[in-house]
Amino acid sequence: MPATLYVPTPLRKLTSGQSKVQLAATNIAEMIERADAQYPGFRERVLDGEGEVKRFINVFVNGVDIRTLQGKQTPINEGDEVSVIPAMAGGR
């Protein structure tokens, strides 16, 4: 069983409206590459020009921010839940 990638609303046009997709990957970097292979344009919307997760994008594995784990090298296991969350702007 692969991991589940939860797709934020702004990126669902790439996944034909799907809110979640199943992908087999060993870490976040591989999951982003596999998502991009199936859904072209995914990588450029998540990663910056240096290949790092854009600062206004948060990626969580089972509810934990990858920035507090191993970044893009954070391992993914079967059944894990990976969420890509664009940061919310606004406030006072």
PDB file of N, CA and C in Angstrom:
ATOM      1  N   MET A   1       0.844  -1.190   0.000  1.00  0.00           N
ATOM      2  CA  MET A   1       0.000   0.000   0.000  1.00  0.00           C
ATOM      3  C   MET A   1       0.884   1.246   0.000  1.00  0.00           C
ATOM      4  N   PRO A   2       0.681   2.124  -0.949  1.00  0.00           N
ATOM      5  CA  PRO A   2       1.494   3.340  -1.000  1.00  0.00           C
ATOM      6  C   PRO A   2       1.050   4.349   0.061  1.00  0.00           C
ATOM      7  N   ALA A   3       1.732   5.475   0.094  1.00  0.00           N
ATOM      8  CA  ALA A   3       1.349   6.574   0.971  1.00  0.00           C
ATOM      9  C   ALA A   3       0.274   7.406   0.273  1.00  0.00           C
ATOM     10  N   THR A   4      -0.450   8.196   1.062  1.00  0.00           N
ATOM     11  CA  THR A   4      -1.482   9.075   0.527  1.00  0.00           C
ATOM     12  C   THR A   4      -0.961  10.502   0.517  1.00  0.00           C
ATOM     13  N   LEU A   5      -1.033  11.138  -0.638  1.00  0.00           N
ATOM     14  CA  LEU A   5      -0.665  12.539  -0.775  1.00  0.00           C
ATOM     15  C   LEU A   5      -1.948  13.348  -0.836  1.00  0.00           C
ATOM     16  N   TYR A   6      -2.145  14.222   0.157  1.00  0.00           N
ATOM     17  CA  TYR A   6      -3.306  15.103   0.170  1.00  0.00           C
ATOM     18  C   TYR A   6      -2.966  16.353  -0.622  1.00  0.00           C
ATOM     19  N   VAL A   7      -3.779  16.638  -1.632  1.00  0.00           N
ATOM     20  CA  VAL A   7      -3.513  17.716  -2.578  1.00  0.00           C
ATOM     21  C   VAL A   7      -4.344  18.945  -2.190  1.00  0.00           C
ATOM     22  N   PRO A   8      -3.697  20.105  -2.012  1.00  0.00           N
ATOM     23  CA  PRO A   8      -4.463  21.300  -1.662  1.00  0.00           C
ATOM     24  C   PRO A   8      -5.325  21.768  -2.835  1.00  0.00           C
ATOM     25  N   THR A   9      -6.395  22.459  -2.524  1.00  0.00           N
ATOM     26  CA  THR A   9      -7.335  22.922  -3.545  1.00  0.00           C
ATOM     27  C   THR A   9      -6.658  23.631  -4.718  1.00  0.00           C
ATOM     28  N   PRO A  10      -5.687  24.542  -4.484  1.00  0.00           N
ATOM     29  CA  PRO A  10      -5.078  25.227  -5.636  1.00  0.00           C
ATOM     30  C   PRO A  10      -4.335  24.300  -6.605  1.00  0.00           C
ATOM     31  N   LEU A  11      -3.931  23.111  -6.152  1.00  0.00           N
ATOM     32  CA  LEU A  11      -3.196  22.190  -7.034  1.00  0.00           C
ATOM     33  C   LEU A  11      -4.077  21.098  -7.626  1.00  0.00           C
ATOM     34  N   ARG A  12      -5.333  21.061  -7.249  1.00  0.00           N
ATOM     35  CA  ARG A  12      -6.211  19.985  -7.732  1.00  0.00           C
ATOM     36  C   ARG A  12      -6.492  20.049  -9.218  1.00  0.00           C
ATOM     37  N   LYS A  13      -6.264  21.227  -9.843  1.00  0.00           N
ATOM     38  CA  LYS A  13      -6.433  21.273 -11.303  1.00  0.00           C
ATOM     39  C   LYS A  13      -5.417  20.366 -11.986  1.00  0.00           C
ATOM     40  N   LEU A  14      -4.277  20.121 -11.323  1.00  0.00           N
ATOM     41  CA  LEU A  14      -3.258  19.226 -11.877  1.00  0.00           C
ATOM     42  C   LEU A  14      -3.658  17.757 -11.736  1.00  0.00           C
ATOM     43  N   THR A  15      -4.450  17.440 -10.702  1.00  0.00           N
ATOM     44  CA  THR A  15      -4.813  16.050 -10.411  1.00  0.00           C
ATOM     45  C   THR A  15      -6.245  15.744 -10.841  1.00  0.00           C
ATOM     46  N   SER A  16      -6.760  16.494 -11.788  1.00  0.00           N
ATOM     47  CA  SER A  16      -8.131  16.323 -12.289  1.00  0.00           C
ATOM     48  C   SER A  16      -9.147  16.385 -11.151  1.00  0.00           C
ATOM     49  N   GLY A  17      -8.885  17.260 -10.189  1.00  0.00           N
ATOM     50  CA  GLY A  17      -9.827  17.471  -9.110  1.00  0.00           C
ATOM     51  C   GLY A  17      -9.680  16.543  -7.917  1.00  0.00           C
ATOM     52  N   GLN A  18      -8.756  15.589  -7.998  1.00  0.00           N
ATOM     53  CA  GLN A  18      -8.598  14.649  -6.888  1.00  0.00           C
ATOM     54  C   GLN A  18      -8.005  15.360  -5.673  1.00  0.00           C
ATOM     55  N   SER A  19      -8.580  15.100  -4.495  1.00  0.00           N
ATOM     56  CA  SER A  19      -8.082  15.714  -3.267  1.00  0.00           C
ATOM     57  C   SER A  19      -6.967  14.889  -2.632  1.00  0.00           C
ATOM     58  N   LYS A  20      -6.858  13.628  -3.042  1.00  0.00           N
ATOM     59  CA  LYS A  20      -5.767  12.791  -2.552  1.00  0.00           C
ATOM     60  C   LYS A  20      -5.409  11.775  -3.616  1.00  0.00           C
ATOM     61  N   VAL A  21      -4.118  11.437  -3.656  1.00  0.00           N
ATOM     62  CA  VAL A  21      -3.614  10.459  -4.617  1.00  0.00           C
ATOM     63  C   VAL A  21      -2.698   9.489  -3.879  1.00  0.00           C
ATOM     64  N   GLN A  22      -2.610   8.275  -4.376  1.00  0.00           N
ATOM     65  CA  GLN A  22      -1.753   7.250  -3.789  1.00  0.00           C
ATOM     66  C   GLN A  22      -0.450   7.196  -4.579  1.00  0.00           C
ATOM     67  N   LEU A  23       0.665   7.311  -3.859  1.00  0.00           N
ATOM     68  CA  LEU A  23       1.971   7.257  -4.501  1.00  0.00           C
ATOM     69  C   LEU A  23       2.926   6.445  -3.638  1.00  0.00           C
ATOM     70  N   ALA A  24       3.712   5.595  -4.271  1.00  0.00           N
ATOM     71  CA  ALA A  24       4.750   4.852  -3.555  1.00  0.00           C
ATOM     72  C   ALA A  24       6.035   5.661  -3.645  1.00  0.00           C
ATOM     73  N   ALA A  25       6.636   5.950  -2.493  1.00  0.00           N
ATOM     74  CA  ALA A  25       7.888   6.715  -2.458  1.00  0.00           C
ATOM     75  C   ALA A  25       8.592   6.405  -1.148  1.00  0.00           C
ATOM     76  N   THR A  26       9.915   6.587  -1.140  1.00  0.00           N
ATOM     77  CA  THR A  26      10.688   6.316   0.074  1.00  0.00           C
ATOM     78  C   THR A  26      10.907   7.561   0.917  1.00  0.00           C
ATOM     79  N   ASN A  27      10.791   8.762   0.276  1.00  0.00           N
ATOM     80  CA  ASN A  27      10.943  10.012   1.019  1.00  0.00           C
ATOM     81  C   ASN A  27      10.170  11.117   0.301  1.00  0.00           C
ATOM     82  N   ILE A  28      10.150  12.293   0.921  1.00  0.00           N
ATOM     83  CA  ILE A  28       9.389  13.419   0.366  1.00  0.00           C
ATOM     84  C   ILE A  28       9.898  13.820  -1.018  1.00  0.00           C
ATOM     85  N   ALA A  29      11.216  13.887  -1.192  1.00  0.00           N
ATOM     86  CA  ALA A  29      11.775  14.278  -2.494  1.00  0.00           C
ATOM     87  C   ALA A  29      11.271  13.342  -3.594  1.00  0.00           C
ATOM     88  N   GLU A  30      11.299  12.034  -3.326  1.00  0.00           N
ATOM     89  CA  GLU A  30      10.831  11.063  -4.321  1.00  0.00           C
ATOM     90  C   GLU A  30       9.331  11.204  -4.555  1.00  0.00           C
ATOM     91  N   MET A  31       8.567  11.473  -3.503  1.00  0.00           N
ATOM     92  CA  MET A  31       7.125  11.630  -3.671  1.00  0.00           C
ATOM     93  C   MET A  31       6.817  12.829  -4.563  1.00  0.00           C
ATOM     94  N   ILE A  32       7.535  13.931  -4.366  1.00  0.00           N
ATOM     95  CA  ILE A  32       7.312  15.117  -5.201  1.00  0.00           C
ATOM     96  C   ILE A  32       7.643  14.804  -6.655  1.00  0.00           C
ATOM     97  N   GLU A  33       8.730  14.069  -6.891  1.00  0.00           N
ATOM     98  CA  GLU A  33       9.102  13.701  -8.265  1.00  0.00           C
ATOM     99  C   GLU A  33       8.055  12.777  -8.892  1.00  0.00           C
ATOM    100  N   ARG A  34       7.576  11.816  -8.128  1.00  0.00           N
ATOM    101  CA  ARG A  34       6.552  10.896  -8.665  1.00  0.00           C
ATOM    102  C   ARG A  34       5.235  11.617  -8.916  1.00  0.00           C
ATOM    103  N   ALA A  35       4.892  12.553  -8.023  1.00  0.00           N
ATOM    104  CA  ALA A  35       3.677  13.345  -8.236  1.00  0.00           C
ATOM    105  C   ALA A  35       3.818  14.167  -9.517  1.00  0.00           C
ATOM    106  N   ASP A  36       5.009  14.741  -9.729  1.00  0.00           N
ATOM    107  CA  ASP A  36       5.233  15.545 -10.923  1.00  0.00           C
ATOM    108  C   ASP A  36       5.199  14.689 -12.186  1.00  0.00           C
ATOM    109  N   ALA A  37       5.686  13.449 -12.099  1.00  0.00           N
ATOM    110  CA  ALA A  37       5.659  12.550 -13.263  1.00  0.00           C
ATOM    111  C   ALA A  37       4.215  12.231 -13.664  1.00  0.00           C
ATOM    112  N   GLN A  38       3.345  12.057 -12.670  1.00  0.00           N
ATOM    113  CA  GLN A  38       1.937  11.745 -12.958  1.00  0.00           C
ATOM    114  C   GLN A  38       1.115  12.998 -13.220  1.00  0.00           C
ATOM    115  N   TYR A  39       1.500  14.085 -12.569  1.00  0.00           N
ATOM    116  CA  TYR A  39       0.744  15.331 -12.641  1.00  0.00           C
ATOM    117  C   TYR A  39       1.715  16.474 -12.950  1.00  0.00           C
ATOM    118  N   PRO A  40       2.094  16.615 -14.228  1.00  0.00           N
ATOM    119  CA  PRO A  40       3.093  17.620 -14.610  1.00  0.00           C
ATOM    120  C   PRO A  40       2.741  19.013 -14.082  1.00  0.00           C
ATOM    121  N   GLY A  41       3.763  19.676 -13.539  1.00  0.00           N
ATOM    122  CA  GLY A  41       3.584  20.997 -12.969  1.00  0.00           C
ATOM    123  C   GLY A  41       3.544  20.982 -11.447  1.00  0.00           C
ATOM    124  N   PHE A  42       3.407  19.786 -10.863  1.00  0.00           N
ATOM    125  CA  PHE A  42       3.321  19.683  -9.401  1.00  0.00           C
ATOM    126  C   PHE A  42       4.605  20.191  -8.746  1.00  0.00           C
ATOM    127  N   ARG A  43       5.741  19.708  -9.239  1.00  0.00           N
ATOM    128  CA  ARG A  43       7.032  20.079  -8.644  1.00  0.00           C
ATOM    129  C   ARG A  43       7.241  21.593  -8.645  1.00  0.00           C
ATOM    130  N   GLU A  44       6.995  22.243  -9.794  1.00  0.00           N
ATOM    131  CA  GLU A  44       7.271  23.683  -9.879  1.00  0.00           C
ATOM    132  C   GLU A  44       6.360  24.514  -8.982  1.00  0.00           C
ATOM    133  N   ARG A  45       5.235  23.952  -8.573  1.00  0.00           N
ATOM    134  CA  ARG A  45       4.348  24.677  -7.669  1.00  0.00           C
ATOM    135  C   ARG A  45       4.707  24.446  -6.204  1.00  0.00           C
ATOM    136  N   VAL A  46       5.522  23.416  -5.929  1.00  0.00           N
ATOM    137  CA  VAL A  46       5.885  23.085  -4.548  1.00  0.00           C
ATOM    138  C   VAL A  46       7.338  23.459  -4.236  1.00  0.00           C
ATOM    139  N   LEU A  47       8.222  23.301  -5.225  1.00  0.00           N
ATOM    140  CA  LEU A  47       9.648  23.560  -5.001  1.00  0.00           C
ATOM    141  C   LEU A  47      10.072  24.877  -5.638  1.00  0.00           C
ATOM    142  N   ASP A  48      11.084  25.521  -5.026  1.00  0.00           N
ATOM    143  CA  ASP A  48      11.618  26.761  -5.583  1.00  0.00           C
ATOM    144  C   ASP A  48      12.706  26.446  -6.616  1.00  0.00           C
ATOM    145  N   GLY A  49      13.360  27.463  -7.117  1.00  0.00           N
ATOM    146  CA  GLY A  49      14.392  27.303  -8.148  1.00  0.00           C
ATOM    147  C   GLY A  49      15.592  26.492  -7.706  1.00  0.00           C
ATOM    148  N   GLU A  50      15.842  26.426  -6.399  1.00  0.00           N
ATOM    149  CA  GLU A  50      16.955  25.630  -5.866  1.00  0.00           C
ATOM    150  C   GLU A  50      16.533  24.201  -5.518  1.00  0.00           C
ATOM    151  N   GLY A  51      15.260  23.879  -5.770  1.00  0.00           N
ATOM    152  CA  GLY A  51      14.794  22.532  -5.477  1.00  0.00           C
ATOM    153  C   GLY A  51      14.366  22.315  -4.036  1.00  0.00           C
ATOM    154  N   GLU A  52      14.224  23.410  -3.287  1.00  0.00           N
ATOM    155  CA  GLU A  52      13.755  23.306  -1.902  1.00  0.00           C
ATOM    156  C   GLU A  52      12.268  23.619  -1.850  1.00  0.00           C
ATOM    157  N   VAL A  53      11.609  23.126  -0.803  1.00  0.00           N
ATOM    158  CA  VAL A  53      10.188  23.421  -0.637  1.00  0.00           C
ATOM    159  C   VAL A  53      10.041  24.932  -0.469  1.00  0.00           C
ATOM    160  N   LYS A  54       9.142  25.510  -1.254  1.00  0.00           N
ATOM    161  CA  LYS A  54       8.925  26.957  -1.178  1.00  0.00           C
ATOM    162  C   LYS A  54       8.586  27.350   0.253  1.00  0.00           C
ATOM    163  N   ARG A  55       9.037  28.543   0.659  1.00  0.00           N
ATOM    164  CA  ARG A  55       8.879  28.934   2.059  1.00  0.00           C
ATOM    165  C   ARG A  55       7.422  29.099   2.461  1.00  0.00           C
ATOM    166  N   PHE A  56       6.539  29.361   1.495  1.00  0.00           N
ATOM    167  CA  PHE A  56       5.124  29.519   1.838  1.00  0.00           C
ATOM    168  C   PHE A  56       4.322  28.235   1.639  1.00  0.00           C
ATOM    169  N   ILE A  57       5.024  27.127   1.428  1.00  0.00           N
ATOM    170  CA  ILE A  57       4.390  25.812   1.325  1.00  0.00           C
ATOM    171  C   ILE A  57       4.846  24.993   2.527  1.00  0.00           C
ATOM    172  N   ASN A  58       3.904  24.370   3.204  1.00  0.00           N
ATOM    173  CA  ASN A  58       4.235  23.479   4.315  1.00  0.00           C
ATOM    174  C   ASN A  58       3.910  22.058   3.895  1.00  0.00           C
ATOM    175  N   VAL A  59       4.805  21.137   4.232  1.00  0.00           N
ATOM    176  CA  VAL A  59       4.601  19.726   3.934  1.00  0.00           C
ATOM    177  C   VAL A  59       4.646  18.971   5.262  1.00  0.00           C
ATOM    178  N   PHE A  60       3.635  18.155   5.478  1.00  0.00           N
ATOM    179  CA  PHE A  60       3.523  17.393   6.714  1.00  0.00           C
ATOM    180  C   PHE A  60       3.488  15.901   6.408  1.00  0.00           C
ATOM    181  N   VAL A  61       4.155  15.110   7.244  1.00  0.00           N
ATOM    182  CA  VAL A  61       4.042  13.649   7.194  1.00  0.00           C
ATOM    183  C   VAL A  61       3.374  13.234   8.495  1.00  0.00           C
ATOM    184  N   ASN A  62       2.202  12.641   8.365  1.00  0.00           N
ATOM    185  CA  ASN A  62       1.420  12.232   9.540  1.00  0.00           C
ATOM    186  C   ASN A  62       1.271  13.380  10.540  1.00  0.00           C
ATOM    187  N   GLY A  63       1.044  14.584  10.023  1.00  0.00           N
ATOM    188  CA  GLY A  63       0.790  15.735  10.869  1.00  0.00           C
ATOM    189  C   GLY A  63       2.010  16.459  11.398  1.00  0.00           C
ATOM    190  N   VAL A  64       3.228  16.024  11.024  1.00  0.00           N
ATOM    191  CA  VAL A  64       4.454  16.658  11.512  1.00  0.00           C
ATOM    192  C   VAL A  64       5.140  17.385  10.347  1.00  0.00           C
ATOM    193  N   ASP A  65       5.461  18.665  10.563  1.00  0.00           N
ATOM    194  CA  ASP A  65       6.115  19.484   9.538  1.00  0.00           C
ATOM    195  C   ASP A  65       7.479  18.884   9.195  1.00  0.00           C
ATOM    196  N   ILE A  66       7.741  18.671   7.904  1.00  0.00           N
ATOM    197  CA  ILE A  66       9.021  18.061   7.511  1.00  0.00           C
ATOM    198  C   ILE A  66      10.204  18.944   7.861  1.00  0.00           C
ATOM    199  N   ARG A  67       9.979  20.242   8.049  1.00  0.00           N
ATOM    200  CA  ARG A  67      11.086  21.129   8.428  1.00  0.00           C
ATOM    201  C   ARG A  67      11.618  20.782   9.812  1.00  0.00           C
ATOM    202  N   THR A  68      10.798  20.136  10.647  1.00  0.00           N
ATOM    203  CA  THR A  68      11.252  19.715  11.981  1.00  0.00           C
ATOM    204  C   THR A  68      11.763  18.279  11.953  1.00  0.00           C
ATOM    205  N   LEU A  69      11.659  17.641  10.792  1.00  0.00           N
ATOM    206  CA  LEU A  69      12.139  16.264  10.625  1.00  0.00           C
ATOM    207  C   LEU A  69      13.417  16.309   9.790  1.00  0.00           C
ATOM    208  N   GLN A  70      13.404  15.675   8.619  1.00  0.00           N
ATOM    209  CA  GLN A  70      14.593  15.622   7.766  1.00  0.00           C
ATOM    210  C   GLN A  70      14.375  16.335   6.428  1.00  0.00           C
ATOM    211  N   GLY A  71      13.470  17.294   6.424  1.00  0.00           N
ATOM    212  CA  GLY A  71      13.211  18.033   5.190  1.00  0.00           C
ATOM    213  C   GLY A  71      12.741  17.094   4.083  1.00  0.00           C
ATOM    214  N   LYS A  72      13.245  17.323   2.867  1.00  0.00           N
ATOM    215  CA  LYS A  72      12.833  16.489   1.732  1.00  0.00           C
ATOM    216  C   LYS A  72      13.310  15.048   1.866  1.00  0.00           C
ATOM    217  N   GLN A  73      14.270  14.812   2.750  1.00  0.00           N
ATOM    218  CA  GLN A  73      14.758  13.436   2.952  1.00  0.00           C
ATOM    219  C   GLN A  73      13.938  12.686   4.013  1.00  0.00           C
ATOM    220  N   THR A  74      12.898  13.325   4.539  1.00  0.00           N
ATOM    221  CA  THR A  74      12.029  12.666   5.524  1.00  0.00           C
ATOM    222  C   THR A  74      11.482  11.386   4.923  1.00  0.00           C
ATOM    223  N   PRO A  75      11.690  10.239   5.599  1.00  0.00           N
ATOM    224  CA  PRO A  75      11.202   8.964   5.079  1.00  0.00           C
ATOM    225  C   PRO A  75       9.674   8.891   5.030  1.00  0.00           C
ATOM    226  N   ILE A  76       9.191   8.146   4.066  1.00  0.00           N
ATOM    227  CA  ILE A  76       7.759   7.866   3.939  1.00  0.00           C
ATOM    228  C   ILE A  76       7.594   6.355   3.940  1.00  0.00           C
ATOM    229  N   ASN A  77       6.643   5.893   4.729  1.00  0.00           N
ATOM    230  CA  ASN A  77       6.336   4.466   4.798  1.00  0.00           C
ATOM    231  C   ASN A  77       4.950   4.208   4.237  1.00  0.00           C
ATOM    232  N   GLU A  78       4.676   2.945   3.939  1.00  0.00           N
ATOM    233  CA  GLU A  78       3.351   2.570   3.452  1.00  0.00           C
ATOM    234  C   GLU A  78       2.306   3.036   4.449  1.00  0.00           C
ATOM    235  N   GLY A  79       1.233   3.622   3.929  1.00  0.00           N
ATOM    236  CA  GLY A  79       0.142   4.055   4.781  1.00  0.00           C
ATOM    237  C   GLY A  79       0.313   5.441   5.379  1.00  0.00           C
ATOM    238  N   ASP A  80       1.479   6.077   5.202  1.00  0.00           N
ATOM    239  CA  ASP A  80       1.676   7.425   5.730  1.00  0.00           C
ATOM    240  C   ASP A  80       0.776   8.410   4.992  1.00  0.00           C
ATOM    241  N   GLU A  81       0.498   9.517   5.662  1.00  0.00           N
ATOM    242  CA  GLU A  81      -0.288  10.590   5.071  1.00  0.00           C
ATOM    243  C   GLU A  81       0.600  11.818   4.917  1.00  0.00           C
ATOM    244  N   VAL A  82       0.728  12.280   3.675  1.00  0.00           N
ATOM    245  CA  VAL A  82       1.554  13.449   3.362  1.00  0.00           C
ATOM    246  C   VAL A  82       0.609  14.558   2.908  1.00  0.00           C
ATOM    247  N   SER A  83       0.707  15.711   3.565  1.00  0.00           N
ATOM    248  CA  SER A  83      -0.151  16.844   3.230  1.00  0.00           C
ATOM    249  C   SER A  83       0.703  18.004   2.738  1.00  0.00           C
ATOM    250  N   VAL A  84       0.283  18.601   1.637  1.00  0.00           N
ATOM    251  CA  VAL A  84       0.923  19.811   1.116  1.00  0.00           C
ATOM    252  C   VAL A  84      -0.053  20.946   1.399  1.00  0.00           C
ATOM    253  N   ILE A  85       0.407  21.920   2.203  1.00  0.00           N
ATOM    254  CA  ILE A  85      -0.479  22.991   2.662  1.00  0.00           C
ATOM    255  C   ILE A  85       0.128  24.349   2.315  1.00  0.00           C
ATOM    256  N   PRO A  86      -0.515  25.111   1.426  1.00  0.00           N
ATOM    257  CA  PRO A  86      -0.027  26.470   1.191  1.00  0.00           C
ATOM    258  C   PRO A  86      -0.282  27.302   2.442  1.00  0.00           C
ATOM    259  N   ALA A  87       0.684  28.132   2.827  1.00  0.00           N
ATOM    260  CA  ALA A  87       0.524  28.975   4.012  1.00  0.00           C
ATOM    261  C   ALA A  87      -0.590  29.995   3.753  1.00  0.00           C
ATOM    262  N   MET A  88      -1.330  30.284   4.784  1.00  0.00           N
ATOM    263  CA  MET A  88      -2.399  31.258   4.676  1.00  0.00           C
ATOM    264  C   MET A  88      -1.815  32.653   4.900  1.00  0.00           C
ATOM    265  N   ALA A  89      -2.253  33.598   4.120  1.00  0.00           N
ATOM    266  CA  ALA A  89      -1.813  34.986   4.294  1.00  0.00           C
ATOM    267  C   ALA A  89      -2.962  35.784   4.893  1.00  0.00           C
ATOM    268  N   GLY A  90      -2.610  36.911   5.422  1.00  0.00           N
ATOM    269  CA  GLY A  90      -3.643  37.783   5.960  1.00  0.00           C
ATOM    270  C   GLY A  90      -3.461  38.009   7.436  1.00  0.00           C
ATOM    271  N   GLY A  91      -4.463  38.529   8.069  1.00  0.00           N
ATOM    272  CA  GLY A  91      -4.387  38.835   9.483  1.00  0.00           C
ATOM    273  C   GLY A  91      -4.047  40.292   9.683  1.00  0.00           C
ATOM    274  N   ARG A  92      -3.809  40.632  10.929  1.00  0.00           N
ATOM    275  CA  ARG A  92      -3.522  42.038  11.238  1.00  0.00           C
ATOM    276  C   ARG A  92      -2.200  42.159  11.925  1.00  0.00           C
TER     277      ARG A  92
END
